Amino acid sequence: NNSTKYREAVIWILLFVGFGALPLLKASGYQLMLASHILLWGLFAVAFNMLWGVTGMLSFGQALYYGLGAYSVGLMVKHLGDAWFLPGLGLGLVASIILSAILGLLIIRVSGVFFTVLTLAFGQLAWQITFRWYDFTGGDDGIQGIIPPSILSNKITYYYFTLA
């Protein structure tokens, strides 16, 4: 049992050191962007594992909160200016927490397949609103022209920001 924990700890340390050293290895812009996507989707997978792997509750609602945070940042930058990118990250997190608390009070009362279907239903409801409300969300085209602030314009800085 201790050797398994030791092996897992070594693997995690090696992964973290490997991802941390990637920009130092003169990786191309494509490789850095690919590694950033791996980190982001890995975080998404960890959220899924926390629900299904630990509690056994199959949820299809993570994309709702993930998208709400992203759209919050995008809409703030579009309507309030580029200076709202970093504060928008915090406000997007707060918006996701509030929505998850409200929906959680409704969804957690059921279990099994009903829990799964409710999370899917709320996710699909948000998807329909997002894709049909062209004036506000850009519809299926999304929000165009969002540029990260100057502090994150460097690919290496953006990568380390994603890693953190």
Protein backbone atom coordinates (compact mmCIF):
# COMPACT_ATOMS: atom_id res chain seq x y z
CA ASN A 1 0.00 0.00 0.00
CA ASN A 2 2.81 2.42 0.84
CA SER A 3 4.66 1.53 -2.34
CA THR A 4 1.55 2.31 -4.39
CA LYS A 5 1.19 5.71 -2.74
CA TYR A 6 4.89 6.37 -3.25
CA ARG A 7 4.64 5.40 -6.92
CA GLU A 8 1.61 7.66 -7.42
CA ALA A 9 3.38 10.56 -5.72
CA VAL A 10 6.43 10.10 -7.95
CA ILE A 11 4.24 10.01 -11.07
CA TRP A 12 2.45 13.24 -10.06
CA ILE A 13 5.75 14.96 -9.28
CA LEU A 14 7.20 13.88 -12.63
CA LEU A 15 4.09 15.12 -14.48
CA PHE A 16 4.18 18.46 -12.70
CA VAL A 17 7.92 18.89 -13.32
CA GLY A 18 7.45 17.81 -16.95
CA PHE A 19 4.66 20.28 -17.58
CA GLY A 20 6.57 22.98 -15.70
CA ALA A 21 9.72 22.40 -17.75
CA LEU A 22 7.96 22.29 -21.14
CA PRO A 23 8.57 25.97 -22.02
CA LEU A 24 12.22 25.62 -20.98
CA LEU A 25 12.63 22.83 -23.56
CA LYS A 26 12.05 25.36 -26.36
CA ALA A 27 8.61 24.04 -27.17
CA SER A 28 6.86 25.61 -30.15
CA GLY A 29 3.76 27.77 -29.81
CA TYR A 30 1.66 24.85 -30.98
CA GLN A 31 3.11 22.53 -28.34
CA LEU A 32 2.48 25.09 -25.60
CA MET A 33 -1.13 25.59 -26.73
CA LEU A 34 -1.63 21.82 -26.91
CA ALA A 35 -0.22 21.42 -23.39
CA SER A 36 -2.53 24.23 -22.19
CA HIS A 37 -5.51 22.39 -23.65
CA ILE A 38 -4.37 19.18 -21.98
CA LEU A 39 -4.22 21.00 -18.64
CA LEU A 40 -7.67 22.57 -19.08
CA TRP A 41 -9.36 19.35 -20.14
CA GLY A 42 -7.52 17.51 -17.38
CA LEU A 43 -9.08 19.88 -14.86
CA PHE A 44 -12.46 19.18 -16.43
CA ALA A 45 -11.81 15.43 -16.09
CA VAL A 46 -10.85 15.84 -12.43
CA ALA A 47 -14.21 17.50 -11.78
CA PHE A 48 -15.96 14.58 -13.45
CA ASN A 49 -13.91 12.09 -11.45
CA MET A 50 -14.77 13.83 -8.19
CA LEU A 51 -18.46 13.22 -8.79
CA TRP A 52 -18.52 9.86 -10.50
CA GLY A 53 -15.31 8.28 -9.28
CA VAL A 54 -15.67 9.29 -5.62
CA THR A 55 -19.42 9.53 -5.02
CA GLY A 56 -20.76 7.33 -7.83
CA MET A 57 -23.06 10.12 -9.05
CA LEU A 58 -23.01 10.34 -12.86
CA SER A 59 -23.36 13.98 -13.85
CA PHE A 60 -23.51 15.63 -17.24
CA GLY A 61 -23.70 19.13 -15.79
CA GLN A 62 -20.03 20.10 -15.51
CA ALA A 63 -20.05 21.73 -18.93
CA LEU A 64 -22.78 24.10 -17.72
CA TYR A 65 -20.55 25.58 -15.01
CA TYR A 66 -17.44 25.45 -17.19
CA GLY A 67 -19.26 27.34 -19.94
CA LEU A 68 -20.85 29.83 -17.55
CA GLY A 69 -17.43 30.80 -16.26
CA ALA A 70 -16.04 31.15 -19.78
CA TYR A 71 -19.00 33.16 -21.07
CA SER A 72 -18.88 35.42 -18.00
CA VAL A 73 -15.28 36.35 -18.80
CA GLY A 74 -16.01 36.73 -22.50
CA LEU A 75 -19.06 38.93 -22.02
CA MET A 76 -17.27 41.17 -19.52
CA VAL A 77 -14.34 41.67 -21.87
CA LYS A 78 -16.66 42.34 -24.81
CA HIS A 79 -18.94 44.81 -23.04
CA LEU A 80 -16.67 46.35 -20.37
CA GLY A 81 -13.25 46.23 -22.02
CA ASP A 82 -9.99 44.31 -21.90
CA ALA A 83 -9.25 45.39 -18.34
CA TRP A 84 -12.01 43.05 -17.13
CA PHE A 85 -10.27 39.84 -18.23
CA LEU A 86 -8.59 38.95 -14.94
CA PRO A 87 -11.40 40.26 -12.68
CA GLY A 88 -13.80 38.42 -14.98
CA LEU A 89 -12.09 35.13 -14.10
CA GLY A 90 -13.00 35.66 -10.46
CA LEU A 91 -16.51 36.84 -11.27
CA GLY A 92 -17.01 33.87 -13.61
CA LEU A 93 -16.01 31.57 -10.76
CA VAL A 94 -18.48 33.31 -8.44
CA ALA A 95 -21.25 33.04 -11.05
CA SER A 96 -20.58 29.32 -11.45
CA ILE A 97 -20.60 28.81 -7.68
CA ILE A 98 -23.91 30.64 -7.30
CA LEU A 99 -25.58 28.73 -10.13
CA SER A 100 -24.24 25.40 -8.89
CA ALA A 101 -25.54 26.12 -5.39
CA ILE A 102 -29.01 26.98 -6.72
CA LEU A 103 -29.21 24.00 -9.08
CA GLY A 104 -27.54 21.76 -6.52
CA LEU A 105 -30.38 22.37 -4.08
CA LEU A 106 -32.78 21.03 -6.71
CA ILE A 107 -30.71 18.22 -8.18
CA ILE A 108 -29.22 16.68 -5.04
CA ARG A 109 -32.66 15.66 -3.79
CA VAL A 110 -32.80 12.83 -6.33
CA SER A 111 -30.40 9.99 -7.01
CA GLY A 112 -29.50 7.43 -9.62
CA VAL A 113 -30.74 7.93 -13.14
CA PHE A 114 -32.92 10.86 -12.06
CA PHE A 115 -29.83 12.74 -10.90
CA THR A 116 -28.12 12.05 -14.22
CA VAL A 117 -31.12 13.12 -16.30
CA LEU A 118 -31.61 16.34 -14.30
CA THR A 119 -27.99 17.36 -14.74
CA LEU A 120 -28.29 16.65 -18.45
CA ALA A 121 -31.56 18.62 -18.67
CA PHE A 122 -30.12 21.72 -17.01
CA GLY A 123 -27.01 21.49 -19.17
CA GLN A 124 -29.13 21.26 -22.33
CA LEU A 125 -31.29 24.16 -21.18
CA ALA A 126 -28.20 26.34 -20.79
CA TRP A 127 -26.91 25.15 -24.16
CA GLN A 128 -30.20 26.12 -25.86
CA ILE A 129 -30.19 29.56 -24.23
CA THR A 130 -26.57 30.12 -25.22
CA PHE A 131 -27.01 29.04 -28.83
CA ARG A 132 -30.31 30.83 -29.45
CA TRP A 133 -29.63 34.19 -27.78
CA TYR A 134 -27.58 35.68 -30.63
CA ASP A 135 -27.72 39.28 -29.43
CA PHE A 136 -26.17 38.49 -26.05
CA THR A 137 -24.01 35.35 -26.43
CA GLY A 138 -23.27 35.38 -30.15
CA GLY A 139 -25.26 32.18 -30.62
CA ASP A 140 -23.47 29.29 -32.27
CA ASP A 141 -20.71 31.66 -33.45
CA GLY A 142 -19.76 32.46 -29.86
CA ILE A 143 -18.18 35.66 -28.67
CA GLN A 144 -15.69 36.94 -31.23
CA GLY A 145 -12.59 39.06 -30.80
CA ILE A 146 -11.67 38.36 -27.19
CA ILE A 147 -8.00 39.05 -26.68
CA PRO A 148 -6.29 38.22 -23.38
CA PRO A 149 -4.74 41.12 -21.48
CA SER A 150 -1.21 42.16 -22.33
CA ILE A 151 0.19 40.29 -19.33
CA LEU A 152 -1.06 37.02 -20.86
CA SER A 153 -0.19 37.83 -24.48
CA ASN A 154 3.12 35.97 -24.18
CA LYS A 155 2.54 32.25 -24.88
CA ILE A 156 4.87 31.14 -22.09
CA THR A 157 3.20 33.40 -19.51
CA TYR A 158 -0.22 32.19 -20.66
CA TYR A 159 0.96 28.59 -20.34
CA TYR A 160 2.23 29.08 -16.77
CA PHE A 161 -1.00 30.89 -15.89
CA THR A 162 -2.92 27.85 -17.12
CA LEU A 163 -0.61 25.49 -15.24
CA ALA A 164 -1.16 27.41 -12.00
